[in-house]
């Protein structure tokens, strides 16, 4: 059975999900977490790196911090976009306050910054707060 490789955003386990199960989520074979949640999920740098490298679906990371006003404004929009894009892409969040080295690793100059990964590499990035429809359009373009 083919399917798509997805890294569990909770435990980091690599899973294979049949394509017809992508929209409904599928669950991690180890911890049981939903692999395609209908919201943006907070991740740590290790899981982000593994998912960006291994996943067969596009992965979009929002680099943010709790003290950032535009980041807090964009958070619910980013989560709505994650639900809209369910089955097509996964949206995750990385707190640059808690993981300051990750900001340097990914060359984040300002927040919020979205970075899209596909095929194991960064394919594009966008800084500044956006609305759900803008995020969805950016991811799909």
N, C-alpha and C. Protein backbone atom coordinates (compact mmCIF):
# COMPACT_ATOMS: atom_id res chain seq x y z
N UNK A 1 0.85 -1.19 0.00
CA UNK A 1 0.00 0.00 0.00
C UNK A 1 0.89 1.25 0.00
N UNK A 2 0.63 2.14 -0.89
CA UNK A 2 1.46 3.35 -1.00
C UNK A 2 1.15 4.28 0.16
N UNK A 3 0.46 5.36 -0.09
CA UNK A 3 0.14 6.32 0.97
C UNK A 3 1.20 7.39 1.09
N UNK A 4 0.96 8.30 2.02
CA UNK A 4 1.85 9.43 2.25
C UNK A 4 2.55 9.27 3.60
N UNK A 5 3.84 9.59 3.63
CA UNK A 5 4.58 9.58 4.89
C UNK A 5 4.28 10.88 5.65
N UNK A 6 3.93 10.73 6.93
CA UNK A 6 3.69 11.88 7.80
C UNK A 6 4.34 11.61 9.15
N UNK A 7 5.03 12.62 9.66
CA UNK A 7 5.62 12.54 10.99
C UNK A 7 4.56 12.90 12.01
N UNK A 8 4.43 12.10 13.06
CA UNK A 8 3.50 12.45 14.13
C UNK A 8 4.00 13.72 14.80
N UNK A 9 3.11 14.70 14.92
CA UNK A 9 3.49 15.99 15.51
C UNK A 9 3.56 15.92 17.03
N UNK A 10 3.13 14.80 17.61
CA UNK A 10 3.19 14.61 19.06
C UNK A 10 4.45 13.84 19.47
N UNK A 11 4.66 12.65 18.87
CA UNK A 11 5.76 11.79 19.32
C UNK A 11 6.92 11.71 18.33
N UNK A 12 6.74 12.20 17.10
CA UNK A 12 7.81 12.19 16.11
C UNK A 12 7.92 10.91 15.29
N UNK A 13 7.03 9.95 15.51
CA UNK A 13 7.06 8.69 14.77
C UNK A 13 6.66 8.92 13.31
N UNK A 14 7.36 8.28 12.38
CA UNK A 14 7.00 8.36 10.97
C UNK A 14 5.88 7.35 10.69
N UNK A 15 4.81 7.81 10.04
CA UNK A 15 3.64 6.98 9.73
C UNK A 15 3.37 7.04 8.24
N UNK A 16 2.68 6.01 7.73
CA UNK A 16 2.24 6.03 6.33
C UNK A 16 0.71 6.05 6.36
N UNK A 17 0.14 7.05 5.69
CA UNK A 17 -1.31 7.23 5.70
C UNK A 17 -1.84 7.03 4.27
N UNK A 18 -2.83 6.14 4.09
CA UNK A 18 -3.42 5.98 2.76
C UNK A 18 -4.00 7.32 2.29
N UNK A 19 -3.85 7.61 1.01
CA UNK A 19 -4.29 8.90 0.48
C UNK A 19 -5.76 9.17 0.75
N UNK A 20 -6.61 8.13 0.72
CA UNK A 20 -8.04 8.35 0.95
C UNK A 20 -8.35 8.64 2.42
N UNK A 21 -7.37 8.50 3.29
CA UNK A 21 -7.58 8.77 4.72
C UNK A 21 -6.97 10.12 5.15
N UNK A 22 -6.32 10.82 4.22
CA UNK A 22 -5.66 12.08 4.59
C UNK A 22 -6.62 13.11 5.16
N UNK A 23 -7.73 13.34 4.50
CA UNK A 23 -8.67 14.37 4.95
C UNK A 23 -9.29 14.01 6.29
N UNK A 24 -9.49 12.71 6.55
CA UNK A 24 -10.09 12.32 7.83
C UNK A 24 -9.05 12.23 8.93
N UNK A 25 -7.80 12.36 8.57
CA UNK A 25 -6.76 12.45 9.59
C UNK A 25 -5.82 11.29 9.69
N UNK A 26 -6.31 10.10 9.94
CA UNK A 26 -5.41 9.00 10.22
C UNK A 26 -4.79 9.22 11.59
N UNK A 27 -4.36 8.14 12.22
CA UNK A 27 -3.79 8.26 13.57
C UNK A 27 -2.40 7.66 13.62
N UNK A 28 -1.57 8.18 14.51
CA UNK A 28 -0.22 7.68 14.72
C UNK A 28 -0.30 6.25 15.24
N UNK A 29 0.50 5.37 14.65
CA UNK A 29 0.54 3.99 15.06
C UNK A 29 1.15 3.78 16.43
N UNK A 30 1.87 4.78 16.96
CA UNK A 30 2.53 4.65 18.26
C UNK A 30 1.71 5.30 19.36
N UNK A 31 1.40 6.60 19.21
CA UNK A 31 0.75 7.33 20.32
C UNK A 31 -0.74 7.58 20.09
N UNK A 32 -1.24 7.34 18.86
CA UNK A 32 -2.67 7.52 18.58
C UNK A 32 -3.09 8.93 18.26
N UNK A 33 -2.14 9.87 18.20
CA UNK A 33 -2.48 11.27 17.88
C UNK A 33 -2.97 11.37 16.44
N UNK A 34 -3.90 12.29 16.18
CA UNK A 34 -4.40 12.53 14.83
C UNK A 34 -3.27 13.14 14.00
N UNK A 35 -3.04 12.60 12.82
CA UNK A 35 -1.93 13.05 11.98
C UNK A 35 -2.27 14.28 11.14
N UNK A 36 -3.56 14.51 10.88
CA UNK A 36 -3.98 15.70 10.12
C UNK A 36 -4.99 16.47 10.97
N UNK A 37 -4.53 17.09 12.06
CA UNK A 37 -5.48 17.80 12.92
C UNK A 37 -6.09 18.98 12.18
N UNK A 38 -7.28 19.36 12.56
CA UNK A 38 -7.97 20.47 11.91
C UNK A 38 -7.60 21.82 12.50
N UNK A 39 -6.38 21.90 13.05
CA UNK A 39 -5.90 23.16 13.63
C UNK A 39 -4.38 23.16 13.57
N UNK A 40 -3.80 24.32 13.78
CA UNK A 40 -2.34 24.42 13.83
C UNK A 40 -1.87 23.81 15.15
N UNK A 41 -0.76 23.07 15.10
CA UNK A 41 -0.22 22.38 16.26
C UNK A 41 1.13 22.97 16.63
N UNK A 42 1.34 23.20 17.91
CA UNK A 42 2.63 23.68 18.42
C UNK A 42 3.63 22.52 18.38
N UNK A 43 4.80 22.74 17.81
CA UNK A 43 5.84 21.70 17.74
C UNK A 43 7.15 22.23 18.29
N UNK A 44 8.06 21.30 18.57
CA UNK A 44 9.41 21.70 18.98
C UNK A 44 10.33 21.60 17.76
N UNK A 45 11.53 22.14 17.85
CA UNK A 45 12.44 22.16 16.69
C UNK A 45 12.78 20.77 16.15
N UNK A 46 12.87 19.77 17.03
CA UNK A 46 13.23 18.42 16.60
C UNK A 46 12.13 17.82 15.71
N UNK A 47 10.88 17.96 16.14
CA UNK A 47 9.76 17.43 15.35
C UNK A 47 9.61 18.23 14.05
N UNK A 48 9.78 19.55 14.12
CA UNK A 48 9.72 20.37 12.90
C UNK A 48 10.75 19.90 11.89
N UNK A 49 11.98 19.71 12.33
CA UNK A 49 13.06 19.30 11.42
C UNK A 49 12.76 17.93 10.79
N UNK A 50 12.27 16.99 11.61
CA UNK A 50 11.97 15.64 11.11
C UNK A 50 10.82 15.68 10.10
N UNK A 51 9.75 16.42 10.44
CA UNK A 51 8.59 16.52 9.55
C UNK A 51 8.97 17.23 8.25
N UNK A 52 9.75 18.31 8.35
CA UNK A 52 10.15 19.06 7.15
C UNK A 52 10.98 18.18 6.22
N UNK A 53 11.78 17.30 6.79
CA UNK A 53 12.66 16.43 6.01
C UNK A 53 11.92 15.25 5.40
N UNK A 54 10.98 14.66 6.14
CA UNK A 54 10.40 13.37 5.74
C UNK A 54 8.99 13.39 5.17
N UNK A 55 8.19 14.40 5.50
CA UNK A 55 6.77 14.36 5.13
C UNK A 55 6.55 14.48 3.62
N UNK A 56 5.54 13.73 3.14
CA UNK A 56 5.16 13.79 1.73
C UNK A 56 4.17 14.91 1.43
N UNK A 57 3.56 15.48 2.46
CA UNK A 57 2.65 16.63 2.28
C UNK A 57 3.40 17.91 2.62
N UNK A 58 3.02 19.03 2.00
CA UNK A 58 3.64 20.30 2.38
C UNK A 58 3.44 20.57 3.87
N UNK A 59 4.46 21.15 4.48
CA UNK A 59 4.43 21.52 5.89
C UNK A 59 4.69 23.02 5.97
N UNK A 60 3.82 23.75 6.67
CA UNK A 60 3.99 25.19 6.81
C UNK A 60 4.17 25.50 8.29
N UNK A 61 5.30 26.13 8.61
CA UNK A 61 5.59 26.48 10.00
C UNK A 61 5.42 27.98 10.20
N UNK A 62 4.70 28.34 11.25
CA UNK A 62 4.55 29.74 11.67
C UNK A 62 5.51 29.96 12.83
N UNK A 63 6.53 30.79 12.61
CA UNK A 63 7.47 31.15 13.67
C UNK A 63 6.90 32.38 14.36
N UNK A 64 6.67 32.29 15.67
CA UNK A 64 5.96 33.32 16.41
C UNK A 64 6.51 33.44 17.83
N UNK A 65 6.01 34.42 18.58
CA UNK A 65 6.34 34.57 20.00
C UNK A 65 5.12 35.13 20.72
N UNK A 66 4.93 34.78 22.00
CA UNK A 66 3.76 35.22 22.75
C UNK A 66 3.67 36.74 22.94
N UNK A 67 4.81 37.44 22.94
CA UNK A 67 4.81 38.89 23.16
C UNK A 67 4.51 39.68 21.89
N UNK A 68 4.41 38.98 20.75
CA UNK A 68 4.24 39.65 19.45
C UNK A 68 2.76 39.86 19.14
N UNK A 69 2.33 41.11 19.09
CA UNK A 69 0.93 41.45 18.79
C UNK A 69 0.44 40.88 17.47
N UNK A 70 1.16 41.12 16.34
CA UNK A 70 0.73 40.57 15.06
C UNK A 70 0.66 39.03 15.07
N UNK A 71 1.56 38.40 15.83
CA UNK A 71 1.54 36.93 15.95
C UNK A 71 0.26 36.47 16.62
N UNK A 72 -0.12 37.16 17.69
CA UNK A 72 -1.34 36.79 18.42
C UNK A 72 -2.57 37.04 17.56
N UNK A 73 -2.55 38.11 16.74
CA UNK A 73 -3.67 38.39 15.83
C UNK A 73 -3.79 37.30 14.76
N UNK A 74 -2.65 36.80 14.28
CA UNK A 74 -2.65 35.84 13.19
C UNK A 74 -2.97 34.42 13.68
N UNK A 75 -2.74 34.11 14.95
CA UNK A 75 -2.89 32.74 15.46
C UNK A 75 -4.23 32.10 15.12
N UNK A 76 -5.38 32.76 15.39
CA UNK A 76 -6.65 32.10 15.05
C UNK A 76 -6.83 31.95 13.53
N UNK A 77 -6.31 32.87 12.75
CA UNK A 77 -6.40 32.80 11.29
C UNK A 77 -5.57 31.63 10.77
N UNK A 78 -4.39 31.43 11.35
CA UNK A 78 -3.51 30.33 10.97
C UNK A 78 -4.18 28.98 11.27
N UNK A 79 -4.85 28.91 12.42
CA UNK A 79 -5.55 27.68 12.80
C UNK A 79 -6.73 27.41 11.86
N UNK A 80 -7.47 28.46 11.50
CA UNK A 80 -8.58 28.29 10.54
C UNK A 80 -8.04 27.79 9.20
N UNK A 81 -6.90 28.35 8.77
CA UNK A 81 -6.29 27.93 7.51
C UNK A 81 -5.87 26.46 7.59
N UNK A 82 -5.39 26.02 8.75
CA UNK A 82 -5.00 24.62 8.93
C UNK A 82 -6.20 23.71 8.71
N UNK A 83 -7.36 24.12 9.20
CA UNK A 83 -8.57 23.33 9.01
C UNK A 83 -8.99 23.32 7.54
N UNK A 84 -8.93 24.48 6.88
CA UNK A 84 -9.29 24.59 5.47
C UNK A 84 -8.38 23.72 4.60
N UNK A 85 -7.10 23.65 4.96
CA UNK A 85 -6.10 22.93 4.16
C UNK A 85 -5.93 21.46 4.57
N UNK A 86 -6.77 21.01 5.49
CA UNK A 86 -6.66 19.64 6.00
C UNK A 86 -6.68 18.63 4.85
N UNK A 87 -5.70 17.75 4.83
CA UNK A 87 -5.59 16.76 3.75
C UNK A 87 -4.67 17.23 2.63
N UNK A 88 -4.41 18.55 2.56
CA UNK A 88 -3.54 19.11 1.50
C UNK A 88 -2.18 19.53 2.05
N UNK A 89 -2.16 20.03 3.30
CA UNK A 89 -0.93 20.52 3.92
C UNK A 89 -1.14 20.50 5.43
N UNK A 90 -0.04 20.50 6.17
CA UNK A 90 -0.15 20.60 7.64
C UNK A 90 0.50 21.90 8.09
N UNK A 91 -0.18 22.58 9.02
CA UNK A 91 0.31 23.85 9.53
C UNK A 91 0.71 23.67 10.99
N UNK A 92 1.93 24.09 11.31
CA UNK A 92 2.46 23.97 12.66
C UNK A 92 2.99 25.31 13.12
N UNK A 93 3.14 25.44 14.44
CA UNK A 93 3.64 26.68 15.03
C UNK A 93 4.89 26.37 15.85
N UNK A 94 5.89 27.27 15.78
CA UNK A 94 7.07 27.11 16.60
C UNK A 94 7.30 28.42 17.35
N UNK A 95 7.31 28.33 18.68
CA UNK A 95 7.48 29.49 19.54
C UNK A 95 8.97 29.85 19.61
N UNK A 96 9.34 30.98 18.99
CA UNK A 96 10.75 31.39 18.94
C UNK A 96 11.24 31.93 20.28
N UNK A 97 10.34 32.24 21.19
CA UNK A 97 10.72 32.65 22.54
C UNK A 97 11.23 31.43 23.31
N UNK A 98 10.51 30.31 23.19
CA UNK A 98 10.90 29.07 23.88
C UNK A 98 12.05 28.37 23.18
N UNK A 99 12.17 28.55 21.89
CA UNK A 99 13.19 27.85 21.09
C UNK A 99 14.00 28.86 20.29
N UNK A 100 14.82 29.64 20.99
CA UNK A 100 15.54 30.74 20.33
C UNK A 100 16.55 30.27 19.30
N UNK A 101 17.16 29.11 19.50
CA UNK A 101 18.13 28.60 18.52
C UNK A 101 17.44 28.27 17.20
N UNK A 102 16.18 27.85 17.26
CA UNK A 102 15.44 27.51 16.03
C UNK A 102 15.27 28.75 15.15
N UNK A 103 15.03 29.90 15.78
CA UNK A 103 14.92 31.14 15.02
C UNK A 103 16.18 31.41 14.21
N UNK A 104 17.34 31.15 14.82
CA UNK A 104 18.62 31.34 14.13
C UNK A 104 18.82 30.26 13.07
N UNK A 105 18.49 29.01 13.40
CA UNK A 105 18.65 27.90 12.46
C UNK A 105 17.88 28.15 11.17
N UNK A 106 16.65 28.67 11.29
CA UNK A 106 15.80 28.91 10.12
C UNK A 106 15.90 30.35 9.60
N UNK A 107 16.87 31.10 10.11
CA UNK A 107 17.14 32.48 9.65
C UNK A 107 15.88 33.35 9.73
N UNK A 108 15.21 33.31 10.87
CA UNK A 108 14.00 34.12 11.06
C UNK A 108 14.45 35.52 11.47
N UNK A 109 14.09 36.52 10.67
CA UNK A 109 14.51 37.91 10.91
C UNK A 109 13.41 38.73 11.58
N UNK A 110 12.16 38.33 11.38
CA UNK A 110 11.02 39.03 11.97
C UNK A 110 9.88 38.04 12.12
N UNK A 111 8.99 38.35 13.05
CA UNK A 111 7.85 37.45 13.26
C UNK A 111 6.55 38.24 13.17
N UNK A 112 5.45 37.60 12.78
CA UNK A 112 5.37 36.20 12.37
C UNK A 112 5.99 35.98 10.99
N UNK A 113 6.62 34.82 10.84
CA UNK A 113 7.14 34.39 9.55
C UNK A 113 6.67 32.97 9.29
N UNK A 114 6.08 32.74 8.12
CA UNK A 114 5.69 31.40 7.70
C UNK A 114 6.75 30.86 6.75
N UNK A 115 7.13 29.60 6.97
CA UNK A 115 8.09 28.93 6.09
C UNK A 115 7.42 27.65 5.61
N UNK A 116 7.39 27.46 4.30
CA UNK A 116 6.79 26.26 3.71
C UNK A 116 7.90 25.29 3.29
N UNK A 117 7.70 24.03 3.66
CA UNK A 117 8.64 22.97 3.31
C UNK A 117 7.93 21.94 2.44
N UNK A 118 8.65 21.44 1.44
CA UNK A 118 8.13 20.37 0.58
C UNK A 118 9.34 19.60 0.06
N UNK A 119 9.20 18.29 0.00
CA UNK A 119 10.29 17.48 -0.53
C UNK A 119 11.57 17.60 0.26
N UNK A 120 11.47 17.86 1.55
CA UNK A 120 12.65 17.92 2.41
C UNK A 120 13.39 19.24 2.41
N UNK A 121 12.83 20.26 1.78
CA UNK A 121 13.53 21.55 1.78
C UNK A 121 12.56 22.72 1.86
N UNK A 122 13.10 23.88 2.22
CA UNK A 122 12.28 25.09 2.25
C UNK A 122 11.97 25.50 0.83
N UNK A 123 10.69 25.79 0.56
CA UNK A 123 10.31 26.20 -0.80
C UNK A 123 9.90 27.66 -0.87
N UNK A 124 9.44 28.23 0.26
CA UNK A 124 9.12 29.66 0.26
C UNK A 124 8.89 30.14 1.69
N UNK A 125 8.90 31.48 1.84
CA UNK A 125 8.62 32.06 3.15
C UNK A 125 7.93 33.39 2.98
N UNK A 126 7.20 33.78 4.04
CA UNK A 126 6.42 35.02 4.02
C UNK A 126 6.41 35.58 5.44
N UNK A 127 6.75 36.86 5.57
CA UNK A 127 6.69 37.50 6.88
C UNK A 127 5.49 38.43 6.96
N UNK A 128 4.98 38.61 8.18
CA UNK A 128 3.86 39.51 8.40
C UNK A 128 2.56 38.74 8.63
N UNK A 129 1.69 39.35 9.41
CA UNK A 129 0.41 38.71 9.74
C UNK A 129 -0.49 38.67 8.50
N UNK A 130 -1.23 37.57 8.38
CA UNK A 130 -2.13 37.38 7.24
C UNK A 130 -3.45 36.83 7.74
N UNK A 131 -4.50 37.02 6.94
CA UNK A 131 -5.83 36.47 7.22
C UNK A 131 -5.89 35.03 6.68
N UNK A 132 -6.88 34.27 7.12
CA UNK A 132 -7.03 32.88 6.70
C UNK A 132 -6.98 32.72 5.18
N UNK A 133 -7.79 33.50 4.46
CA UNK A 133 -7.84 33.34 2.99
C UNK A 133 -6.49 33.65 2.35
N UNK A 134 -5.74 34.60 2.91
CA UNK A 134 -4.41 34.92 2.37
C UNK A 134 -3.44 33.77 2.63
N UNK A 135 -3.51 33.18 3.83
CA UNK A 135 -2.64 32.05 4.17
C UNK A 135 -2.94 30.87 3.26
N UNK A 136 -4.22 30.55 3.09
CA UNK A 136 -4.61 29.43 2.21
C UNK A 136 -4.13 29.69 0.79
N UNK A 137 -4.35 30.89 0.28
CA UNK A 137 -3.88 31.23 -1.07
C UNK A 137 -2.38 31.11 -1.22
N UNK A 138 -1.65 31.57 -0.20
CA UNK A 138 -0.18 31.50 -0.22
C UNK A 138 0.28 30.05 -0.23
N UNK A 139 -0.32 29.21 0.60
CA UNK A 139 0.06 27.79 0.69
C UNK A 139 -0.24 27.09 -0.63
N UNK A 140 -1.39 27.38 -1.24
CA UNK A 140 -1.80 26.70 -2.47
C UNK A 140 -1.09 27.20 -3.71
N UNK A 141 -0.47 28.37 -3.65
CA UNK A 141 0.20 28.93 -4.85
C UNK A 141 1.55 28.27 -5.10
